[in-house]
């Protein structure tokens, strides 16, 4: 699976559960909430004032 800024968080967590701590680090503590799982990575980063490219690099192991 290719993870991009447009990938839905729920899909990211299903494919790479090890990414959960990265979301927790940005203050996204409700990863089980339907609203949180339905956001794109870019939307979550915008809400939490985080650089989406930086988070994407962590998730993809870059």
N, C-alpha and C. Protein backbone atom coordinates (compact mmCIF):
# COMPACT_ATOMS: atom_id res chain seq x y z
N UNK A 1 0.85 -1.19 0.00
CA UNK A 1 0.00 0.00 0.00
C UNK A 1 0.89 1.24 0.00
N UNK A 2 0.58 2.17 -0.88
CA UNK A 2 1.29 3.45 -0.92
C UNK A 2 0.53 4.43 -0.04
N UNK A 3 1.20 4.96 0.96
CA UNK A 3 0.57 5.92 1.87
C UNK A 3 0.96 7.32 1.43
N UNK A 4 -0.07 8.15 1.24
CA UNK A 4 0.12 9.54 0.83
C UNK A 4 -0.63 10.44 1.80
N UNK A 5 -0.56 11.74 1.55
CA UNK A 5 -1.29 12.69 2.39
C UNK A 5 -2.80 12.52 2.24
N UNK A 6 -3.24 11.90 1.15
CA UNK A 6 -4.67 11.70 0.92
C UNK A 6 -5.19 10.36 1.43
N UNK A 7 -4.31 9.57 2.03
CA UNK A 7 -4.72 8.27 2.55
C UNK A 7 -5.52 8.47 3.84
N UNK A 8 -6.59 7.71 3.97
CA UNK A 8 -7.46 7.76 5.16
C UNK A 8 -6.73 7.12 6.34
N UNK A 9 -6.81 7.77 7.49
CA UNK A 9 -6.10 7.30 8.68
C UNK A 9 -6.48 5.87 9.04
N UNK A 10 -7.75 5.54 8.95
CA UNK A 10 -8.17 4.17 9.24
C UNK A 10 -7.48 3.17 8.35
N UNK A 11 -7.31 3.51 7.08
CA UNK A 11 -6.62 2.61 6.15
C UNK A 11 -5.14 2.50 6.51
N UNK A 12 -4.54 3.61 6.93
CA UNK A 12 -3.13 3.58 7.34
C UNK A 12 -2.97 2.66 8.54
N UNK A 13 -3.84 2.81 9.53
CA UNK A 13 -3.72 2.00 10.75
C UNK A 13 -4.00 0.53 10.49
N UNK A 14 -4.90 0.25 9.54
CA UNK A 14 -5.17 -1.15 9.20
C UNK A 14 -3.96 -1.78 8.52
N UNK A 15 -3.30 -1.02 7.64
CA UNK A 15 -2.16 -1.54 6.90
C UNK A 15 -0.87 -1.51 7.72
N UNK A 16 -0.72 -0.48 8.56
CA UNK A 16 0.52 -0.30 9.34
C UNK A 16 0.16 0.08 10.77
N UNK A 17 -0.30 -0.86 11.57
CA UNK A 17 -0.66 -0.53 12.96
C UNK A 17 0.49 0.08 13.75
N UNK A 18 1.71 -0.19 13.32
CA UNK A 18 2.87 0.38 14.01
C UNK A 18 2.97 1.89 13.83
N UNK A 19 2.12 2.47 12.98
CA UNK A 19 2.11 3.93 12.78
C UNK A 19 1.31 4.65 13.87
N UNK A 20 0.55 3.92 14.66
CA UNK A 20 -0.30 4.55 15.69
C UNK A 20 0.47 5.50 16.60
N UNK A 21 1.67 5.14 17.09
CA UNK A 21 2.39 6.08 17.97
C UNK A 21 2.71 7.42 17.31
N UNK A 22 2.90 7.43 16.00
CA UNK A 22 3.18 8.69 15.32
C UNK A 22 1.97 9.63 15.39
N UNK A 23 0.77 9.05 15.29
CA UNK A 23 -0.44 9.86 15.41
C UNK A 23 -0.63 10.33 16.85
N UNK A 24 -0.30 9.46 17.80
CA UNK A 24 -0.41 9.84 19.21
C UNK A 24 0.54 10.99 19.53
N UNK A 25 1.73 10.98 18.93
CA UNK A 25 2.72 12.04 19.17
C UNK A 25 2.21 13.41 18.74
N UNK A 26 1.35 13.46 17.72
CA UNK A 26 0.86 14.76 17.25
C UNK A 26 -0.40 15.18 18.00
N UNK A 27 -0.80 14.38 19.00
CA UNK A 27 -1.96 14.75 19.81
C UNK A 27 -3.25 14.11 19.36
N UNK A 28 -3.17 13.16 18.45
CA UNK A 28 -4.36 12.47 17.96
C UNK A 28 -4.56 11.22 18.81
N UNK A 29 -5.22 11.41 19.95
CA UNK A 29 -5.34 10.32 20.92
C UNK A 29 -6.58 9.47 20.74
N UNK A 30 -7.48 9.86 19.88
CA UNK A 30 -8.73 9.13 19.70
C UNK A 30 -8.70 8.38 18.37
N UNK A 31 -7.74 7.51 18.20
CA UNK A 31 -7.58 6.80 16.93
C UNK A 31 -8.70 5.81 16.64
N UNK A 32 -9.45 5.44 17.66
CA UNK A 32 -10.58 4.53 17.44
C UNK A 32 -11.87 5.24 17.09
N UNK A 33 -11.89 6.56 17.21
CA UNK A 33 -13.11 7.31 16.91
C UNK A 33 -13.38 7.29 15.41
N UNK A 34 -14.63 7.10 15.03
CA UNK A 34 -14.95 7.07 13.60
C UNK A 34 -14.53 8.35 12.86
N UNK A 35 -14.65 9.49 13.50
CA UNK A 35 -14.27 10.74 12.84
C UNK A 35 -12.77 10.77 12.59
N UNK A 36 -11.98 10.33 13.54
CA UNK A 36 -10.53 10.33 13.39
C UNK A 36 -10.10 9.34 12.32
N UNK A 37 -10.69 8.17 12.32
CA UNK A 37 -10.31 7.14 11.34
C UNK A 37 -10.74 7.51 9.93
N UNK A 38 -11.69 8.44 9.79
CA UNK A 38 -12.19 8.81 8.47
C UNK A 38 -11.48 10.00 7.85
N UNK A 39 -10.59 10.63 8.60
CA UNK A 39 -9.85 11.79 8.07
C UNK A 39 -8.68 11.31 7.23
N UNK A 40 -8.26 12.17 6.30
CA UNK A 40 -7.02 11.89 5.59
C UNK A 40 -5.86 12.31 6.48
N UNK A 41 -4.69 11.84 6.14
CA UNK A 41 -3.49 12.24 6.87
C UNK A 41 -3.33 13.76 6.82
N UNK A 42 -3.57 14.36 5.66
CA UNK A 42 -3.43 15.81 5.51
C UNK A 42 -4.43 16.56 6.39
N UNK A 43 -5.67 16.07 6.47
CA UNK A 43 -6.68 16.72 7.31
C UNK A 43 -6.29 16.66 8.78
N UNK A 44 -5.83 15.50 9.22
CA UNK A 44 -5.42 15.36 10.62
C UNK A 44 -4.25 16.28 10.94
N UNK A 45 -3.31 16.38 10.03
CA UNK A 45 -2.16 17.25 10.25
C UNK A 45 -2.58 18.72 10.31
N UNK A 46 -3.53 19.11 9.47
CA UNK A 46 -4.00 20.49 9.48
C UNK A 46 -4.67 20.82 10.82
N UNK A 47 -5.48 19.90 11.32
CA UNK A 47 -6.18 20.11 12.58
C UNK A 47 -5.20 20.19 13.75
N UNK A 48 -4.14 19.41 13.68
CA UNK A 48 -3.17 19.33 14.79
C UNK A 48 -1.93 20.19 14.54
N UNK A 49 -1.99 21.01 13.51
CA UNK A 49 -0.89 21.95 13.20
C UNK A 49 0.46 21.24 13.08
N UNK A 50 0.46 20.17 12.27
CA UNK A 50 1.66 19.36 12.05
C UNK A 50 1.97 19.34 10.56
N UNK A 51 3.25 19.32 10.22
CA UNK A 51 3.65 19.25 8.83
C UNK A 51 3.35 17.84 8.30
N UNK A 52 2.48 17.76 7.31
CA UNK A 52 2.05 16.47 6.76
C UNK A 52 3.22 15.71 6.12
N UNK A 53 4.13 16.42 5.48
CA UNK A 53 5.27 15.75 4.86
C UNK A 53 6.16 15.08 5.89
N UNK A 54 6.34 15.73 7.05
CA UNK A 54 7.16 15.16 8.12
C UNK A 54 6.52 13.89 8.68
N UNK A 55 5.21 13.94 8.92
CA UNK A 55 4.52 12.76 9.45
C UNK A 55 4.52 11.64 8.42
N UNK A 56 4.31 11.99 7.18
CA UNK A 56 4.32 10.98 6.11
C UNK A 56 5.68 10.29 6.02
N UNK A 57 6.74 11.05 6.18
CA UNK A 57 8.09 10.47 6.14
C UNK A 57 8.29 9.49 7.29
N UNK A 58 7.78 9.82 8.47
CA UNK A 58 7.90 8.90 9.62
C UNK A 58 7.15 7.62 9.35
N UNK A 59 5.93 7.75 8.85
CA UNK A 59 5.09 6.59 8.62
C UNK A 59 5.70 5.68 7.55
N UNK A 60 6.24 6.28 6.53
CA UNK A 60 6.83 5.51 5.43
C UNK A 60 8.26 5.09 5.71
N UNK A 61 8.80 5.49 6.87
CA UNK A 61 10.14 5.08 7.27
C UNK A 61 11.25 5.79 6.52
N UNK A 62 10.99 7.02 6.09
CA UNK A 62 12.00 7.81 5.38
C UNK A 62 12.74 8.73 6.32
